[in-house]
């Protein structure tokens, strides 16, 4: 079975693919800027902004096992390690939030 497209359909598909690729590229650039415009030593407010949660939730997050803390400055969190921790522990955090929601 062979599928054929008209020239106008091909052009529309190519244009659609280009738009999707461009949108993904721009989104990747924006996320990169967002992640690397934060200070190297994040405050609790920076952590809240990164995770898009309240400061009360940040208190719970920073108490989770393995959450990175600065060894140099008190109450600061190394940006790159926080980002790495978030990627590695997103499922743990999700399960933690679900367990808290059920407990209420």
PDB file of N, CA and C in Angstrom:
ATOM      1  N   UNK A   1       0.841  -1.175   0.000  1.00  0.00           N
ATOM      2  CA  UNK A   1       0.000   0.000   0.000  1.00  0.00           C
ATOM      3  C   UNK A   1       0.888   1.240   0.000  1.00  0.00           C
ATOM      4  N   UNK A   2       0.658   2.088  -0.940  1.00  0.00           N
ATOM      5  CA  UNK A   2       1.448   3.300  -1.061  1.00  0.00           C
ATOM      6  C   UNK A   2       0.535   4.504  -0.877  1.00  0.00           C
ATOM      7  N   UNK A   3       1.001   5.451  -0.056  1.00  0.00           N
ATOM      8  CA  UNK A   3       0.230   6.670   0.182  1.00  0.00           C
ATOM      9  C   UNK A   3       0.875   7.792  -0.614  1.00  0.00           C
ATOM     10  N   UNK A   4       0.065   8.516  -1.312  1.00  0.00           N
ATOM     11  CA  UNK A   4       0.587   9.639  -2.086  1.00  0.00           C
ATOM     12  C   UNK A   4      -0.103  10.922  -1.636  1.00  0.00           C
ATOM     13  N   UNK A   5       0.637  12.005  -1.726  1.00  0.00           N
ATOM     14  CA  UNK A   5       0.117  13.305  -1.350  1.00  0.00           C
ATOM     15  C   UNK A   5       0.255  14.254  -2.527  1.00  0.00           C
ATOM     16  N   UNK A   6      -0.665  15.174  -2.591  1.00  0.00           N
ATOM     17  CA  UNK A   6      -0.553  16.211  -3.628  1.00  0.00           C
ATOM     18  C   UNK A   6       0.556  17.175  -3.214  1.00  0.00           C
ATOM     19  N   UNK A   7       1.011  17.957  -4.169  1.00  0.00           N
ATOM     20  CA  UNK A   7       2.076  18.929  -3.868  1.00  0.00           C
ATOM     21  C   UNK A   7       1.634  19.911  -2.793  1.00  0.00           C
ATOM     22  N   UNK A   8       0.395  20.354  -2.846  1.00  0.00           N
ATOM     23  CA  UNK A   8      -0.082  21.313  -1.837  1.00  0.00           C
ATOM     24  C   UNK A   8      -0.134  20.665  -0.456  1.00  0.00           C
ATOM     25  N   UNK A   9      -0.520  19.378  -0.389  1.00  0.00           N
ATOM     26  CA  UNK A   9      -0.520  18.665   0.891  1.00  0.00           C
ATOM     27  C   UNK A   9       0.904  18.513   1.429  1.00  0.00           C
ATOM     28  N   UNK A  10       1.837  18.208   0.541  1.00  0.00           N
ATOM     29  CA  UNK A  10       3.242  18.081   0.949  1.00  0.00           C
ATOM     30  C   UNK A  10       3.750  19.398   1.523  1.00  0.00           C
ATOM     31  N   UNK A  11       3.428  20.502   0.852  1.00  0.00           N
ATOM     32  CA  UNK A  11       3.872  21.819   1.308  1.00  0.00           C
ATOM     33  C   UNK A  11       3.262  22.160   2.665  1.00  0.00           C
ATOM     34  N   UNK A  12       1.989  21.823   2.855  1.00  0.00           N
ATOM     35  CA  UNK A  12       1.326  22.070   4.137  1.00  0.00           C
ATOM     36  C   UNK A  12       1.978  21.256   5.249  1.00  0.00           C
ATOM     37  N   UNK A  13       2.292  20.004   4.971  1.00  0.00           N
ATOM     38  CA  UNK A  13       2.935  19.150   5.979  1.00  0.00           C
ATOM     39  C   UNK A  13       4.320  19.674   6.330  1.00  0.00           C
ATOM     40  N   UNK A  14       5.078  20.052   5.325  1.00  0.00           N
ATOM     41  CA  UNK A  14       6.417  20.585   5.568  1.00  0.00           C
ATOM     42  C   UNK A  14       6.319  21.856   6.399  1.00  0.00           C
ATOM     43  N   UNK A  15       5.382  22.719   6.064  1.00  0.00           N
ATOM     44  CA  UNK A  15       5.198  23.962   6.818  1.00  0.00           C
ATOM     45  C   UNK A  15       4.810  23.662   8.272  1.00  0.00           C
ATOM     46  N   UNK A  16       3.926  22.688   8.470  1.00  0.00           N
ATOM     47  CA  UNK A  16       3.513  22.299   9.822  1.00  0.00           C
ATOM     48  C   UNK A  16       4.695  21.760  10.617  1.00  0.00           C
ATOM     49  N   UNK A  17       5.498  20.897   9.994  1.00  0.00           N
ATOM     50  CA  UNK A  17       6.681  20.355  10.664  1.00  0.00           C
ATOM     51  C   UNK A  17       7.653  21.463  11.037  1.00  0.00           C
ATOM     52  N   UNK A  18       7.847  22.414  10.138  1.00  0.00           N
ATOM     53  CA  UNK A  18       8.760  23.515  10.414  1.00  0.00           C
ATOM     54  C   UNK A  18       8.264  24.348  11.599  1.00  0.00           C
ATOM     55  N   UNK A  19       6.960  24.561  11.677  1.00  0.00           N
ATOM     56  CA  UNK A  19       6.397  25.322  12.788  1.00  0.00           C
ATOM     57  C   UNK A  19       6.585  24.588  14.109  1.00  0.00           C
ATOM     58  N   UNK A  20       6.354  23.277  14.104  1.00  0.00           N
ATOM     59  CA  UNK A  20       6.528  22.481  15.320  1.00  0.00           C
ATOM     60  C   UNK A  20       7.994  22.501  15.762  1.00  0.00           C
ATOM     61  N   UNK A  21       8.894  22.333  14.822  1.00  0.00           N
ATOM     62  CA  UNK A  21      10.325  22.334  15.141  1.00  0.00           C
ATOM     63  C   UNK A  21      10.755  23.695  15.670  1.00  0.00           C
ATOM     64  N   UNK A  22      10.298  24.751  15.043  1.00  0.00           N
ATOM     65  CA  UNK A  22      10.659  26.100  15.492  1.00  0.00           C
ATOM     66  C   UNK A  22      10.108  26.361  16.892  1.00  0.00           C
ATOM     67  N   UNK A  23       8.879  25.959  17.145  1.00  0.00           N
ATOM     68  CA  UNK A  23       8.276  26.151  18.468  1.00  0.00           C
ATOM     69  C   UNK A  23       9.052  25.378  19.533  1.00  0.00           C
ATOM     70  N   UNK A  24       9.416  24.135  19.231  1.00  0.00           N
ATOM     71  CA  UNK A  24      10.192  23.332  20.181  1.00  0.00           C
ATOM     72  C   UNK A  24      11.558  23.959  20.446  1.00  0.00           C
ATOM     73  N   UNK A  25      12.180  24.484  19.403  1.00  0.00           N
ATOM     74  CA  UNK A  25      13.483  25.140  19.543  1.00  0.00           C
ATOM     75  C   UNK A  25      13.373  26.363  20.447  1.00  0.00           C
ATOM     76  N   UNK A  26      12.385  27.201  20.184  1.00  0.00           N
ATOM     77  CA  UNK A  26      12.198  28.412  20.984  1.00  0.00           C
ATOM     78  C   UNK A  26      11.899  28.045  22.431  1.00  0.00           C
ATOM     79  N   UNK A  27      11.077  27.040  22.641  1.00  0.00           N
ATOM     80  CA  UNK A  27      10.755  26.601  23.998  1.00  0.00           C
ATOM     81  C   UNK A  27      12.016  26.100  24.705  1.00  0.00           C
ATOM     82  N   UNK A  28      12.853  25.358  24.007  1.00  0.00           N
ATOM     83  CA  UNK A  28      14.102  24.873  24.600  1.00  0.00           C
ATOM     84  C   UNK A  28      15.029  26.017  24.979  1.00  0.00           C
ATOM     85  N   UNK A  29      15.106  27.023  24.121  1.00  0.00           N
ATOM     86  CA  UNK A  29      15.933  28.197  24.412  1.00  0.00           C
ATOM     87  C   UNK A  29      15.400  28.921  25.647  1.00  0.00           C
ATOM     88  N   UNK A  30      14.088  29.104  25.716  1.00  0.00           N
ATOM     89  CA  UNK A  30      13.479  29.803  26.848  1.00  0.00           C
ATOM     90  C   UNK A  30      13.716  29.045  28.155  1.00  0.00           C
ATOM     91  N   UNK A  31      13.577  27.722  28.124  1.00  0.00           N
ATOM     92  CA  UNK A  31      13.816  26.924  29.328  1.00  0.00           C
ATOM     93  C   UNK A  31      15.281  27.009  29.736  1.00  0.00           C
ATOM     94  N   UNK A  32      16.169  26.992  28.767  1.00  0.00           N
ATOM     95  CA  UNK A  32      17.594  27.127  29.067  1.00  0.00           C
ATOM     96  C   UNK A  32      17.907  28.461  29.703  1.00  0.00           C
ATOM     97  N   UNK A  33      17.320  29.523  29.167  1.00  0.00           N
ATOM     98  CA  UNK A  33      17.523  30.854  29.750  1.00  0.00           C
ATOM     99  C   UNK A  33      16.984  30.900  31.168  1.00  0.00           C
ATOM    100  N   UNK A  34      15.805  30.337  31.356  1.00  0.00           N
ATOM    101  CA  UNK A  34      15.173  30.340  32.683  1.00  0.00           C
ATOM    102  C   UNK A  34      16.044  29.605  33.698  1.00  0.00           C
ATOM    103  N   UNK A  35      16.542  28.441  33.307  1.00  0.00           N
ATOM    104  CA  UNK A  35      17.334  27.634  34.239  1.00  0.00           C
ATOM    105  C   UNK A  35      18.679  28.269  34.561  1.00  0.00           C
ATOM    106  N   UNK A  36      19.231  29.027  33.619  1.00  0.00           N
ATOM    107  CA  UNK A  36      20.567  29.554  33.846  1.00  0.00           C
ATOM    108  C   UNK A  36      20.598  31.046  34.136  1.00  0.00           C
ATOM    109  N   UNK A  37      19.442  31.662  34.301  1.00  0.00           N
ATOM    110  CA  UNK A  37      19.427  33.043  34.758  1.00  0.00           C
ATOM    111  C   UNK A  37      19.179  33.107  36.254  1.00  0.00           C
ATOM    112  N   UNK A  38      18.882  31.974  36.844  1.00  0.00           N
ATOM    113  CA  UNK A  38      18.753  31.920  38.292  1.00  0.00           C
ATOM    114  C   UNK A  38      20.144  32.029  38.900  1.00  0.00           C
ATOM    115  N   UNK A  39      20.215  32.586  40.096  1.00  0.00           N
ATOM    116  CA  UNK A  39      21.531  32.688  40.734  1.00  0.00           C
ATOM    117  C   UNK A  39      22.103  31.304  41.027  1.00  0.00           C
ATOM    118  N   UNK A  40      23.430  31.233  41.085  1.00  0.00           N
ATOM    119  CA  UNK A  40      24.065  29.940  41.363  1.00  0.00           C
ATOM    120  C   UNK A  40      23.618  29.400  42.711  1.00  0.00           C
ATOM    121  N   UNK A  41      23.526  30.265  43.709  1.00  0.00           N
ATOM    122  CA  UNK A  41      23.031  29.862  45.039  1.00  0.00           C
ATOM    123  C   UNK A  41      21.597  30.353  45.164  1.00  0.00           C
ATOM    124  N   UNK A  42      20.645  29.437  45.029  1.00  0.00           N
ATOM    125  CA  UNK A  42      19.229  29.783  45.038  1.00  0.00           C
ATOM    126  C   UNK A  42      18.713  29.999  46.458  1.00  0.00           C
ATOM    127  N   UNK A  43      17.802  30.957  46.604  1.00  0.00           N
ATOM    128  CA  UNK A  43      17.098  31.153  47.870  1.00  0.00           C
ATOM    129  C   UNK A  43      15.858  30.260  47.854  1.00  0.00           C
ATOM    130  N   UNK A  44      15.146  30.239  48.965  1.00  0.00           N
ATOM    131  CA  UNK A  44      13.899  29.473  49.001  1.00  0.00           C
ATOM    132  C   UNK A  44      12.905  30.016  47.974  1.00  0.00           C
ATOM    133  N   UNK A  45      12.889  31.329  47.784  1.00  0.00           N
ATOM    134  CA  UNK A  45      11.986  31.914  46.793  1.00  0.00           C
ATOM    135  C   UNK A  45      12.370  31.462  45.379  1.00  0.00           C
ATOM    136  N   UNK A  46      13.674  31.396  45.100  1.00  0.00           N
ATOM    137  CA  UNK A  46      14.122  30.901  43.795  1.00  0.00           C
ATOM    138  C   UNK A  46      13.676  29.456  43.588  1.00  0.00           C
ATOM    139  N   UNK A  47      13.795  28.645  44.630  1.00  0.00           N
ATOM    140  CA  UNK A  47      13.374  27.238  44.550  1.00  0.00           C
ATOM    141  C   UNK A  47      11.860  27.169  44.305  1.00  0.00           C
ATOM    142  N   UNK A  48      11.102  28.016  44.995  1.00  0.00           N
ATOM    143  CA  UNK A  48       9.644  28.056  44.804  1.00  0.00           C
ATOM    144  C   UNK A  48       9.301  28.432  43.366  1.00  0.00           C
ATOM    145  N   UNK A  49      10.009  29.420  42.830  1.00  0.00           N
ATOM    146  CA  UNK A  49       9.773  29.833  41.445  1.00  0.00           C
ATOM    147  C   UNK A  49      10.136  28.705  40.475  1.00  0.00           C
ATOM    148  N   UNK A  50      11.235  28.019  40.728  1.00  0.00           N
ATOM    149  CA  UNK A  50      11.673  26.932  39.855  1.00  0.00           C
ATOM    150  C   UNK A  50      10.639  25.808  39.820  1.00  0.00           C
ATOM    151  N   UNK A  51      10.161  25.394  40.996  1.00  0.00           N
ATOM    152  CA  UNK A  51       9.198  24.292  41.071  1.00  0.00           C
ATOM    153  C   UNK A  51       7.755  24.758  40.871  1.00  0.00           C
ATOM    154  N   UNK A  52       7.550  26.077  40.844  1.00  0.00           N
ATOM    155  CA  UNK A  52       6.214  26.666  40.722  1.00  0.00           C
ATOM    156  C   UNK A  52       5.305  26.200  41.849  1.00  0.00           C
ATOM    157  N   UNK A  53       5.812  26.364  43.069  1.00  0.00           N
ATOM    158  CA  UNK A  53       5.069  25.978  44.262  1.00  0.00           C
ATOM    159  C   UNK A  53       5.158  27.109  45.288  1.00  0.00           C
ATOM    160  N   UNK A  54       4.422  26.954  46.375  1.00  0.00           N
ATOM    161  CA  UNK A  54       4.443  27.952  47.448  1.00  0.00           C
ATOM    162  C   UNK A  54       5.693  27.773  48.312  1.00  0.00           C
ATOM    163  N   UNK A  55       5.976  28.785  49.119  1.00  0.00           N
ATOM    164  CA  UNK A  55       7.121  28.682  50.035  1.00  0.00           C
ATOM    165  C   UNK A  55       6.907  27.566  51.056  1.00  0.00           C
ATOM    166  N   UNK A  56       5.661  27.328  51.445  1.00  0.00           N
ATOM    167  CA  UNK A  56       5.372  26.228  52.384  1.00  0.00           C
ATOM    168  C   UNK A  56       5.757  24.884  51.748  1.00  0.00           C
ATOM    169  N   UNK A  57       5.492  24.731  50.465  1.00  0.00           N
ATOM    170  CA  UNK A  57       5.873  23.493  49.770  1.00  0.00           C
ATOM    171  C   UNK A  57       7.388  23.368  49.669  1.00  0.00           C
ATOM    172  N   UNK A  58       8.069  24.513  49.508  1.00  0.00           N
ATOM    173  CA  UNK A  58       9.540  24.495  49.449  1.00  0.00           C
ATOM    174  C   UNK A  58      10.102  23.935  50.744  1.00  0.00           C
ATOM    175  N   UNK A  59       9.503  24.296  51.863  1.00  0.00           N
ATOM    176  CA  UNK A  59       9.963  23.763  53.155  1.00  0.00           C
ATOM    177  C   UNK A  59       9.927  22.235  53.145  1.00  0.00           C
ATOM    178  N   UNK A  60       8.900  21.659  52.557  1.00  0.00           N
ATOM    179  CA  UNK A  60       8.804  20.194  52.461  1.00  0.00           C
ATOM    180  C   UNK A  60       9.824  19.633  51.480  1.00  0.00           C
ATOM    181  N   UNK A  61      10.012  20.327  50.378  1.00  0.00           N
ATOM    182  CA  UNK A  61      10.945  19.847  49.362  1.00  0.00           C
ATOM    183  C   UNK A  61      12.373  19.822  49.901  1.00  0.00           C
ATOM    184  N   UNK A  62      12.793  20.898  50.566  1.00  0.00           N
ATOM    185  CA  UNK A  62      14.184  20.964  51.022  1.00  0.00           C
ATOM    186  C   UNK A  62      14.473  19.973  52.136  1.00  0.00           C
ATOM    187  N   UNK A  63      13.424  19.434  52.740  1.00  0.00           N
ATOM    188  CA  UNK A  63      13.623  18.417  53.778  1.00  0.00           C
ATOM    189  C   UNK A  63      13.654  16.993  53.214  1.00  0.00           C
ATOM    190  N   UNK A  64      13.394  16.873  51.923  1.00  0.00           N
ATOM    191  CA  UNK A  64      13.407  15.545  51.302  1.00  0.00           C
ATOM    192  C   UNK A  64      14.844  15.020  51.251  1.00  0.00           C
ATOM    193  N   UNK A  65      14.983  13.706  51.389  1.00  0.00           N
ATOM    194  CA  UNK A  65      16.310  13.074  51.369  1.00  0.00           C
ATOM    195  C   UNK A  65      17.060  13.428  50.097  1.00  0.00           C
ATOM    196  N   UNK A  66      18.291  13.849  50.264  1.00  0.00           N
ATOM    197  CA  UNK A  66      19.166  14.099  49.137  1.00  0.00           C
ATOM    198  C   UNK A  66      19.008  15.450  48.474  1.00  0.00           C
ATOM    199  N   UNK A  67      18.076  16.292  48.968  1.00  0.00           N
ATOM    200  CA  UNK A  67      17.925  17.603  48.339  1.00  0.00           C
ATOM    201  C   UNK A  67      19.208  18.394  48.580  1.00  0.00           C
ATOM    202  N   UNK A  68      19.795  18.953  47.519  1.00  0.00           N
ATOM    203  CA  UNK A  68      21.103  19.613  47.642  1.00  0.00           C
ATOM    204  C   UNK A  68      21.035  20.936  48.404  1.00  0.00           C
ATOM    205  N   UNK A  69      21.975  21.089  49.301  1.00  0.00           N
ATOM    206  CA  UNK A  69      22.103  22.325  50.075  1.00  0.00           C
ATOM    207  C   UNK A  69      23.515  22.849  49.912  1.00  0.00           C
ATOM    208  N   UNK A  70      23.656  24.147  49.943  1.00  0.00           N
ATOM    209  CA  UNK A  70      24.977  24.757  49.829  1.00  0.00           C
ATOM    210  C   UNK A  70      25.779  24.465  51.087  1.00  0.00           C
ATOM    211  N   UNK A  71      27.027  24.121  50.895  1.00  0.00           N
ATOM    212  CA  UNK A  71      27.927  23.899  52.030  1.00  0.00           C
ATOM    213  C   UNK A  71      28.639  25.186  52.405  1.00  0.00           C
ATOM    214  N   UNK A  72      28.461  26.218  51.583  1.00  0.00           N
ATOM    215  CA  UNK A  72      29.157  27.480  51.789  1.00  0.00           C
ATOM    216  C   UNK A  72      28.253  28.529  52.438  1.00  0.00           C
ATOM    217  N   UNK A  73      27.022  28.627  51.947  1.00  0.00           N
ATOM    218  CA  UNK A  73      26.106  29.673  52.409  1.00  0.00           C
ATOM    219  C   UNK A  73      24.863  29.020  52.998  1.00  0.00           C
ATOM    220  N   UNK A  74      24.519  29.417  54.198  1.00  0.00           N
ATOM    221  CA  UNK A  74      23.360  28.855  54.877  1.00  0.00           C
ATOM    222  C   UNK A  74      22.066  29.245  54.154  1.00  0.00           C
ATOM    223  N   UNK A  75      21.129  28.324  54.114  1.00  0.00           N
ATOM    224  CA  UNK A  75      19.811  28.524  53.496  1.00  0.00           C
ATOM    225  C   UNK A  75      19.911  28.879  52.011  1.00  0.00           C
ATOM    226  N   UNK A  76      20.882  28.295  51.336  1.00  0.00           N
ATOM    227  CA  UNK A  76      21.024  28.459  49.888  1.00  0.00           C
ATOM    228  C   UNK A  76      21.169  27.072  49.263  1.00  0.00           C
ATOM    229  N   UNK A  77      20.784  27.004  47.982  1.00  0.00           N
ATOM    230  CA  UNK A  77      20.713  25.721  47.301  1.00  0.00           C
ATOM    231  C   UNK A  77      21.366  25.863  45.932  1.00  0.00           C
ATOM    232  N   UNK A  78      22.391  25.038  45.632  1.00  0.00           N
ATOM    233  CA  UNK A  78      23.118  25.159  44.356  1.00  0.00           C
ATOM    234  C   UNK A  78      22.218  24.870  43.156  1.00  0.00           C
ATOM    235  N   UNK A  79      22.049  25.865  42.295  1.00  0.00           N
ATOM    236  CA  UNK A  79      21.149  25.801  41.146  1.00  0.00           C
ATOM    237  C   UNK A  79      21.325  24.532  40.320  1.00  0.00           C
ATOM    238  N   UNK A  80      22.548  24.247  39.893  1.00  0.00           N
ATOM    239  CA  UNK A  80      22.774  23.108  38.994  1.00  0.00           C
ATOM    240  C   UNK A  80      22.418  21.789  39.669  1.00  0.00           C
ATOM    241  N   UNK A  81      22.715  21.683  40.955  1.00  0.00           N
ATOM    242  CA  UNK A  81      22.386  20.449  41.679  1.00  0.00           C
ATOM    243  C   UNK A  81      20.883  20.336  41.930  1.00  0.00           C
ATOM    244  N   UNK A  82      20.218  21.480  42.136  1.00  0.00           N
ATOM    245  CA  UNK A  82      18.760  21.465  42.301  1.00  0.00           C
ATOM    246  C   UNK A  82      18.102  20.995  41.002  1.00  0.00           C
ATOM    247  N   UNK A  83      18.571  21.497  39.875  1.00  0.00           N
ATOM    248  CA  UNK A  83      18.014  21.087  38.580  1.00  0.00           C
ATOM    249  C   UNK A  83      18.252  19.596  38.363  1.00  0.00           C
ATOM    250  N   UNK A  84      19.453  19.140  38.653  1.00  0.00           N
ATOM    251  CA  UNK A  84      19.765  17.719  38.508  1.00  0.00           C
ATOM    252  C   UNK A  84      18.880  16.880  39.437  1.00  0.00           C
ATOM    253  N   UNK A  85      18.744  17.327  40.693  1.00  0.00           N
ATOM    254  CA  UNK A  85      17.923  16.610  41.665  1.00  0.00           C
ATOM    255  C   UNK A  85      16.472  16.544  41.178  1.00  0.00           C
ATOM    256  N   UNK A  86      15.974  17.650  40.632  1.00  0.00           N
ATOM    257  CA  UNK A  86      14.594  17.688  40.152  1.00  0.00           C
ATOM    258  C   UNK A  86      14.380  16.670  39.035  1.00  0.00           C
ATOM    259  N   UNK A  87      15.341  16.575  38.110  1.00  0.00           N
ATOM    260  CA  UNK A  87      15.214  15.602  37.011  1.00  0.00           C
ATOM    261  C   UNK A  87      15.268  14.175  37.541  1.00  0.00           C
ATOM    262  N   UNK A  88      16.113  13.936  38.508  1.00  0.00           N
ATOM    263  CA  UNK A  88      16.293  12.570  39.023  1.00  0.00           C
ATOM    264  C   UNK A  88      15.198  12.164  40.002  1.00  0.00           C
ATOM    265  N   UNK A  89      14.533  13.127  40.628  1.00  0.00           N
ATOM    266  CA  UNK A  89      13.589  12.813  41.699  1.00  0.00           C
ATOM    267  C   UNK A  89      12.174  13.303  41.438  1.00  0.00           C
ATOM    268  N   UNK A  90      11.867  13.622  40.224  1.00  0.00           N
ATOM    269  CA  UNK A  90      10.525  14.149  39.947  1.00  0.00           C
ATOM    270  C   UNK A  90       9.440  13.151  40.326  1.00  0.00           C
ATOM    271  N   UNK A  91       9.686  11.869  40.122  1.00  0.00           N
ATOM    272  CA  UNK A  91       8.693  10.863  40.488  1.00  0.00           C
ATOM    273  C   UNK A  91       8.539  10.780  42.005  1.00  0.00           C
ATOM    274  N   UNK A  92       9.642  10.859  42.733  1.00  0.00           N
ATOM    275  CA  UNK A  92       9.580  10.817  44.197  1.00  0.00           C
ATOM    276  C   UNK A  92       8.774  11.992  44.729  1.00  0.00           C
ATOM    277  N   UNK A  93       9.007  13.171  44.149  1.00  0.00           N
ATOM    278  CA  UNK A  93       8.286  14.355  44.591  1.00  0.00           C
ATOM    279  C   UNK A  93       6.800  14.228  44.277  1.00  0.00           C
ATOM    280  N   UNK A  94       6.476  13.688  43.106  1.00  0.00           N
ATOM    281  CA  UNK A  94       5.080  13.486  42.722  1.00  0.00           C
ATOM    282  C   UNK A  94       4.400  12.535  43.710  1.00  0.00           C
ATOM    283  N   UNK A  95       5.056  11.432  44.040  1.00  0.00           N
ATOM    284  CA  UNK A  95       4.482  10.472  44.988  1.00  0.00           C
ATOM    285  C   UNK A  95       4.328  11.099  46.372  1.00  0.00           C
ATOM    286  N   UNK A  96       5.298  11.931  46.766  1.00  0.00           N
ATOM    287  CA  UNK A  96       5.229  12.626  48.049  1.00  0.00           C
ATOM    288  C   UNK A  96       4.001  13.535  48.087  1.00  0.00           C
ATOM    289  N   UNK A  97       3.791  14.305  47.021  1.00  0.00           N
ATOM    290  CA  UNK A  97       2.642  15.223  46.971  1.00  0.00           C
ATOM    291  C   UNK A  97       1.330  14.464  46.990  1.00  0.00           C
ATOM    292  N   UNK A  98       1.283  13.333  46.289  1.00  0.00           N
ATOM    293  CA  UNK A  98       0.045  12.523  46.298  1.00  0.00           C
ATOM    294  C   UNK A  98      -0.240  11.982  47.681  1.00  0.00           C
ATOM    295  N   UNK A  99       0.801  11.550  48.397  1.00  0.00           N
ATOM    296  CA  UNK A  99       0.578  11.001  49.733  1.00  0.00           C
ATOM    297  C   UNK A  99       0.077  12.078  50.684  1.00  0.00           C
ATOM    298  N   UNK A 100       0.575  13.316  50.528  1.00  0.00           N
ATOM    299  CA  UNK A 100       0.123  14.422  51.372  1.00  0.00           C
ATOM    300  C   UNK A 100      -1.326  14.776  51.053  1.00  0.00           C
ATOM    301  N   UNK A 101      -1.694  14.741  49.787  1.00  0.00           N
ATOM    302  CA  UNK A 101      -3.051  15.086  49.389  1.00  0.00           C
ATOM    303  C   UNK A 101      -4.052  14.084  49.959  1.00  0.00           C
ATOM    304  N   UNK A 102      -3.683  12.811  49.992  1.00  0.00           N
ATOM    305  CA  UNK A 102      -4.572  11.777  50.527  1.00  0.00           C
ATOM    306  C   UNK A 102      -4.676  11.871  52.042  1.00  0.00           C
ATOM    307  N   UNK A 103      -3.614  12.367  52.696  1.00  0.00           N
ATOM    308  CA  UNK A 103      -3.608  12.433  54.155  1.00  0.00           C
ATOM    309  C   UNK A 103      -4.537  13.518  54.686  1.00  0.00           C
ATOM    310  N   UNK A 104      -4.869  14.481  53.845  1.00  0.00           N
ATOM    311  CA  UNK A 104      -5.699  15.604  54.301  1.00  0.00           C
ATOM    312  C   UNK A 104      -7.143  15.239  54.391  1.00  0.00           C
TER     313      UNK A 104
END
